[in-house]
C-alpha atoms as a PDB file:
ATOM      1  CA  MET A   1     -27.707  98.775 160.585  1.00  0.00           C
ATOM      2  CA  GLY A   2     -27.091  95.223 159.423  1.00  0.00           C
ATOM      3  CA  LYS A   3     -26.281  91.864 160.931  1.00  0.00           C
ATOM      4  CA  ILE A   4     -25.151  88.658 159.270  1.00  0.00           C
ATOM      5  CA  ILE A   5     -24.293  85.388 161.016  1.00  0.00           C
ATOM      6  CA  PHE A   6     -22.031  82.810 159.372  1.00  0.00           C
ATOM      7  CA  TYR A   7     -22.212  79.159 160.509  1.00  0.00           C
ATOM      8  CA  GLU A   8     -19.634  76.456 159.778  1.00  0.00           C
ATOM      9  CA  ASP A   9     -22.228  73.781 159.017  1.00  0.00           C
ATOM     10  CA  ARG A  10     -25.520  73.564 157.159  1.00  0.00           C
ATOM     11  CA  ASN A  11     -28.787  74.415 158.897  1.00  0.00           C
ATOM     12  CA  PHE A  12     -27.149  76.923 161.251  1.00  0.00           C
ATOM     13  CA  GLN A  13     -25.098  74.326 163.096  1.00  0.00           C
ATOM     14  CA  GLY A  14     -21.527  74.412 164.364  1.00  0.00           C
ATOM     15  CA  ARG A  15     -19.465  77.406 165.327  1.00  0.00           C
ATOM     16  CA  ASN A  16     -20.720  80.791 164.216  1.00  0.00           C
ATOM     17  CA  TYR A  17     -19.467  84.301 163.626  1.00  0.00           C
ATOM     18  CA  ASP A  18     -21.695  87.391 164.012  1.00  0.00           C
ATOM     19  CA  CYS A  19     -20.802  90.335 161.807  1.00  0.00           C
ATOM     20  CA  MET A  20     -22.294  93.849 161.739  1.00  0.00           C
ATOM     21  CA  SER A  21     -19.841  95.528 159.364  1.00  0.00           C
ATOM     22  CA  ASP A  22     -17.333  94.655 156.662  1.00  0.00           C
ATOM     23  CA  CYS A  23     -15.129  91.610 157.275  1.00  0.00           C
ATOM     24  CA  SER A  24     -12.134  91.117 154.988  1.00  0.00           C
ATOM     25  CA  ASP A  25     -11.207  87.642 156.317  1.00  0.00           C
ATOM     26  CA  ILE A  26     -13.963  85.354 157.605  1.00  0.00           C
ATOM     27  CA  SER A  27     -11.517  82.425 157.585  1.00  0.00           C
ATOM     28  CA  SER A  28      -9.803  83.905 160.644  1.00  0.00           C
ATOM     29  CA  TYR A  29     -13.036  83.144 162.565  1.00  0.00           C
ATOM     30  CA  LEU A  30     -14.386  80.019 160.836  1.00  0.00           C
ATOM     31  CA  SER A  31     -12.779  77.244 158.806  1.00  0.00           C
ATOM     32  CA  ARG A  32     -15.688  77.197 156.317  1.00  0.00           C
ATOM     33  CA  VAL A  33     -19.166  78.646 155.798  1.00  0.00           C
ATOM     34  CA  GLY A  34     -22.030  76.149 155.579  1.00  0.00           C
ATOM     35  CA  SER A  35     -25.037  78.394 156.196  1.00  0.00           C
ATOM     36  CA  ILE A  36     -25.849  82.065 156.673  1.00  0.00           C
ATOM     37  CA  ARG A  37     -28.551  84.035 158.423  1.00  0.00           C
ATOM     38  CA  VAL A  38     -28.981  87.700 157.471  1.00  0.00           C
ATOM     39  CA  GLU A  39     -30.924  89.195 160.374  1.00  0.00           C
ATOM     40  CA  SER A  40     -31.025  92.733 159.006  1.00  0.00           C
ATOM     41  CA  GLY A  41     -29.675  94.734 156.121  1.00  0.00           C
ATOM     42  CA  CYS A  42     -27.994  93.554 152.936  1.00  0.00           C
ATOM     43  CA  PHE A  43     -24.516  92.170 152.328  1.00  0.00           C
ATOM     44  CA  MET A  44     -22.238  91.183 149.486  1.00  0.00           C
ATOM     45  CA  VAL A  45     -20.310  87.983 150.127  1.00  0.00           C
ATOM     46  CA  TYR A  46     -17.052  87.347 148.308  1.00  0.00           C
ATOM     47  CA  GLU A  47     -15.180  84.262 147.192  1.00  0.00           C
ATOM     48  CA  ARG A  48     -11.817  85.479 148.459  1.00  0.00           C
ATOM     49  CA  ASN A  49     -10.352  87.525 151.291  1.00  0.00           C
ATOM     50  CA  GLY A  50     -10.188  91.287 150.905  1.00  0.00           C
ATOM     51  CA  PHE A  51     -13.528  91.621 149.072  1.00  0.00           C
ATOM     52  CA  THR A  52     -12.191  90.019 145.891  1.00  0.00           C
ATOM     53  CA  GLY A  53     -13.281  87.258 143.570  1.00  0.00           C
ATOM     54  CA  ASN A  54     -16.825  86.435 142.597  1.00  0.00           C
ATOM     55  CA  GLN A  55     -19.576  88.158 144.568  1.00  0.00           C
ATOM     56  CA  PHE A  56     -23.125  87.364 145.603  1.00  0.00           C
ATOM     57  CA  PHE A  57     -25.831  89.641 147.019  1.00  0.00           C
ATOM     58  CA  LEU A  58     -27.671  88.531 150.180  1.00  0.00           C
ATOM     59  CA  ARG A  59     -30.667  90.258 151.727  1.00  0.00           C
ATOM     60  CA  ARG A  60     -32.526  89.510 154.953  1.00  0.00           C
ATOM     61  CA  GLY A  61     -33.289  85.811 155.150  1.00  0.00           C
ATOM     62  CA  GLU A  62     -31.991  82.354 155.949  1.00  0.00           C
ATOM     63  CA  TYR A  63     -29.602  80.482 153.696  1.00  0.00           C
ATOM     64  CA  HIS A  64     -29.620  76.908 155.054  1.00  0.00           C
ATOM     65  CA  ASP A  65     -27.126  75.302 152.671  1.00  0.00           C
ATOM     66  CA  ILE A  66     -24.487  77.479 151.044  1.00  0.00           C
ATOM     67  CA  GLN A  67     -23.022  74.557 149.049  1.00  0.00           C
ATOM     68  CA  ARG A  68     -26.412  73.953 147.458  1.00  0.00           C
ATOM     69  CA  MET A  69     -26.813  77.654 146.658  1.00  0.00           C
ATOM     70  CA  MET A  70     -23.391  77.723 145.079  1.00  0.00           C
ATOM     71  CA  SER A  71     -24.181  74.780 142.842  1.00  0.00           C
ATOM     72  CA  MET A  72     -27.332  76.631 141.727  1.00  0.00           C
ATOM     73  CA  GLY A  73     -25.636  79.744 140.457  1.00  0.00           C
ATOM     74  CA  MET A  74     -23.418  81.464 143.003  1.00  0.00           C
ATOM     75  CA  MET A  75     -20.462  80.671 140.722  1.00  0.00           C
ATOM     76  CA  PHE A  76     -18.024  79.898 143.539  1.00  0.00           C
ATOM     77  CA  ASP A  77     -17.555  77.343 146.262  1.00  0.00           C
ATOM     78  CA  THR A  78     -16.446  79.276 149.320  1.00  0.00           C
ATOM     79  CA  ILE A  79     -17.057  82.537 151.155  1.00  0.00           C
ATOM     80  CA  ARG A  80     -14.070  84.377 152.598  1.00  0.00           C
ATOM     81  CA  SER A  81     -15.198  88.011 153.086  1.00  0.00           C
ATOM     82  CA  CYS A  82     -18.314  90.172 153.261  1.00  0.00           C
ATOM     83  CA  ARG A  83     -19.237  93.815 152.872  1.00  0.00           C
ATOM     84  CA  MET A  84     -22.286  95.452 154.419  1.00  0.00           C
ATOM     85  CA  ILE A  85     -24.337  97.574 152.039  1.00  0.00           C
ATOM     86  CA  PRO A  86     -25.495 100.639 153.955  1.00  0.00           C
ATOM     87  CA  PRO A  87     -29.163 101.620 153.755  1.00  0.00           C
ATOM     88  CA  TYR A  88     -29.770 104.350 151.205  1.00  0.00           C
ATOM     89  CA  ARG A  89     -32.945 106.345 150.537  1.00  0.00           C
ATOM     90  CA  GLY A  90     -31.779 109.094 148.152  1.00  0.00           C
ATOM     91  CA  SER A  91     -31.704 109.429 144.397  1.00  0.00           C
ATOM     92  CA  PHE A  92     -29.726 107.148 142.084  1.00  0.00           C
ATOM     93  CA  ARG A  93     -27.376 108.257 139.339  1.00  0.00           C
ATOM     94  CA  MET A  94     -24.626 106.460 137.461  1.00  0.00           C
ATOM     95  CA  ARG A  95     -22.785 107.122 134.213  1.00  0.00           C
ATOM     96  CA  ILE A  96     -21.621 104.134 132.211  1.00  0.00           C
ATOM     97  CA  TYR A  97     -18.915 104.349 129.564  1.00  0.00           C
ATOM     98  CA  GLU A  98     -18.078 102.189 126.611  1.00  0.00           C
ATOM     99  CA  ARG A  99     -14.317 102.291 127.206  1.00  0.00           C
ATOM    100  CA  ASP A 100     -11.739 102.527 130.009  1.00  0.00           C
ATOM    101  CA  ASN A 101     -11.048 105.915 131.606  1.00  0.00           C
ATOM    102  CA  PHE A 102     -14.549 107.205 130.842  1.00  0.00           C
ATOM    103  CA  GLY A 103     -14.009 107.012 127.088  1.00  0.00           C
ATOM    104  CA  GLY A 104     -16.348 106.313 124.202  1.00  0.00           C
ATOM    105  CA  GLN A 105     -20.130 106.504 124.411  1.00  0.00           C
ATOM    106  CA  MET A 106     -21.555 107.644 127.767  1.00  0.00           C
ATOM    107  CA  TYR A 107     -25.051 107.078 129.110  1.00  0.00           C
ATOM    108  CA  GLU A 108     -26.545 108.191 132.400  1.00  0.00           C
ATOM    109  CA  LEU A 109     -28.767 105.878 134.409  1.00  0.00           C
ATOM    110  CA  MET A 110     -31.170 106.879 137.143  1.00  0.00           C
ATOM    111  CA  ASP A 111     -33.146 103.645 137.144  1.00  0.00           C
ATOM    112  CA  ASP A 112     -32.582  99.951 136.469  1.00  0.00           C
ATOM    113  CA  CYS A 113     -31.475  98.841 133.014  1.00  0.00           C
ATOM    114  CA  ASP A 114     -32.127  95.224 132.086  1.00  0.00           C
ATOM    115  CA  ASN A 115     -30.101  95.318 128.858  1.00  0.00           C
ATOM    116  CA  ILE A 116     -27.718  98.095 127.739  1.00  0.00           C
ATOM    117  CA  MET A 117     -27.475  96.575 124.257  1.00  0.00           C
ATOM    118  CA  GLU A 118     -31.206  96.972 123.646  1.00  0.00           C
ATOM    119  CA  ARG A 119     -31.678 100.262 125.506  1.00  0.00           C
ATOM    120  CA  PHE A 120     -28.593 102.174 124.333  1.00  0.00           C
ATOM    121  CA  ARG A 121     -27.172 100.063 121.469  1.00  0.00           C
ATOM    122  CA  MET A 122     -24.077  99.827 123.649  1.00  0.00           C
ATOM    123  CA  THR A 123     -22.071  96.625 123.202  1.00  0.00           C
ATOM    124  CA  ASP A 124     -19.648  97.050 126.081  1.00  0.00           C
ATOM    125  CA  CYS A 125     -19.261  98.887 129.387  1.00  0.00           C
ATOM    126  CA  GLN A 126     -15.673  99.261 130.616  1.00  0.00           C
ATOM    127  CA  SER A 127     -15.885 102.062 133.207  1.00  0.00           C
ATOM    128  CA  CYS A 128     -18.458 103.913 135.279  1.00  0.00           C
ATOM    129  CA  HIS A 129     -18.956 106.777 137.689  1.00  0.00           C
ATOM    130  CA  VAL A 130     -21.492 106.162 140.452  1.00  0.00           C
ATOM    131  CA  MET A 131     -22.631 109.560 141.665  1.00  0.00           C
ATOM    132  CA  ASP A 132     -25.560 108.504 143.849  1.00  0.00           C
ATOM    133  CA  GLY A 133     -26.743 105.245 145.341  1.00  0.00           C
ATOM    134  CA  HIS A 134     -25.518 101.672 145.352  1.00  0.00           C
ATOM    135  CA  TRP A 135     -25.731  99.489 142.249  1.00  0.00           C
ATOM    136  CA  LEU A 136     -25.328  95.881 141.141  1.00  0.00           C
ATOM    137  CA  MET A 137     -24.005  95.233 137.639  1.00  0.00           C
ATOM    138  CA  TYR A 138     -24.588  91.855 135.965  1.00  0.00           C
ATOM    139  CA  GLU A 139     -22.825  90.078 133.125  1.00  0.00           C
ATOM    140  CA  GLN A 140     -26.061  88.956 131.436  1.00  0.00           C
ATOM    141  CA  PRO A 141     -29.311  90.705 130.486  1.00  0.00           C
ATOM    142  CA  HIS A 142     -32.232  90.740 132.922  1.00  0.00           C
ATOM    143  CA  TYR A 143     -30.012  90.798 136.035  1.00  0.00           C
ATOM    144  CA  ARG A 144     -28.544  87.328 135.616  1.00  0.00           C
ATOM    145  CA  GLY A 145     -25.080  85.837 135.788  1.00  0.00           C
ATOM    146  CA  ARG A 146     -22.174  87.024 137.867  1.00  0.00           C
ATOM    147  CA  MET A 147     -22.662  90.336 139.646  1.00  0.00           C
ATOM    148  CA  VAL A 148     -20.488  93.121 141.004  1.00  0.00           C
ATOM    149  CA  TYR A 149     -21.359  95.714 143.655  1.00  0.00           C
ATOM    150  CA  PHE A 150     -20.575  99.381 142.990  1.00  0.00           C
ATOM    151  CA  ARG A 151     -20.864 102.075 145.626  1.00  0.00           C
ATOM    152  CA  PRO A 152     -20.391 105.816 144.941  1.00  0.00           C
ATOM    153  CA  GLY A 153     -17.064 106.493 143.284  1.00  0.00           C
ATOM    154  CA  GLU A 154     -15.153 106.474 140.020  1.00  0.00           C
ATOM    155  CA  TYR A 155     -14.296 103.145 138.420  1.00  0.00           C
ATOM    156  CA  ARG A 156     -11.875 103.981 135.597  1.00  0.00           C
ATOM    157  CA  SER A 157     -11.128 100.463 134.361  1.00  0.00           C
ATOM    158  CA  PHE A 158     -13.022  97.254 135.052  1.00  0.00           C
ATOM    159  CA  ARG A 159     -10.072  95.402 133.515  1.00  0.00           C
ATOM    160  CA  ASP A 160      -7.693  96.882 136.115  1.00  0.00           C
ATOM    161  CA  MET A 161     -10.167  95.844 138.817  1.00  0.00           C
ATOM    162  CA  GLY A 162      -9.855  92.210 137.699  1.00  0.00           C
ATOM    163  CA  TYR A 163     -12.990  92.019 135.547  1.00  0.00           C
ATOM    164  CA  SER A 164     -11.302  91.756 132.150  1.00  0.00           C
ATOM    165  CA  ASN A 165     -13.261  88.628 131.233  1.00  0.00           C
ATOM    166  CA  MET A 166     -16.666  90.092 132.189  1.00  0.00           C
ATOM    167  CA  ARG A 167     -19.025  92.229 130.141  1.00  0.00           C
ATOM    168  CA  PHE A 168     -21.563  94.161 132.161  1.00  0.00           C
ATOM    169  CA  VAL A 169     -24.912  94.132 130.390  1.00  0.00           C
ATOM    170  CA  SER A 170     -27.540  94.979 133.032  1.00  0.00           C
ATOM    171  CA  MET A 171     -27.580  97.284 136.056  1.00  0.00           C
ATOM    172  CA  ARG A 172     -29.899  97.379 139.063  1.00  0.00           C
ATOM    173  CA  ARG A 173     -30.221  99.895 141.888  1.00  0.00           C
ATOM    174  CA  ILE A 174     -30.085  98.531 145.407  1.00  0.00           C
ATOM    175  CA  THR A 175     -33.218 100.259 146.697  1.00  0.00           C
ATOM    176  CA  ASP A 176     -35.718  98.877 149.143  1.00  0.00           C
ATOM    177  CA  MET A 177     -34.081  95.455 148.875  1.00  0.00           C
ATOM    178  CA  CYS A 178     -32.237  96.193 152.137  1.00  0.00           C
END
């Protein structure tokens, strides 16, 4: 499926921790994360334990210096948990809603959307229902800014999930990226 290796120091030095599934507390294995190697699959890494805080998407590759990456846009300075994104080859379908609890305007997506304001004249997205596939939602147009991973399920209130200060403006399917 997927394999990610966390190293305490830059350039894959120091102690390491191999992970092939979700890990809610990397700090129980390593004191810090200095570099990462994703050998297969895709993963979301999180700023805090329990898959919380800011998130960043990693695909197969080598990440020699996490501190440098973080200063260039990861928006956080530590990695404490990770979630494996399972491979998916089916169709994609998600409904986005203007308000909490699936209220207000609703639009259905089956492909990427680089700007909901331009495409739907929708100024805000406060809840969603992911029927098929795995998606990344971004706070800025054209898949930029902070991101959040959504797998199939109902997400009634982004505010209740801790995203009250974020506006989701663009959405991307996680397709052959993994």
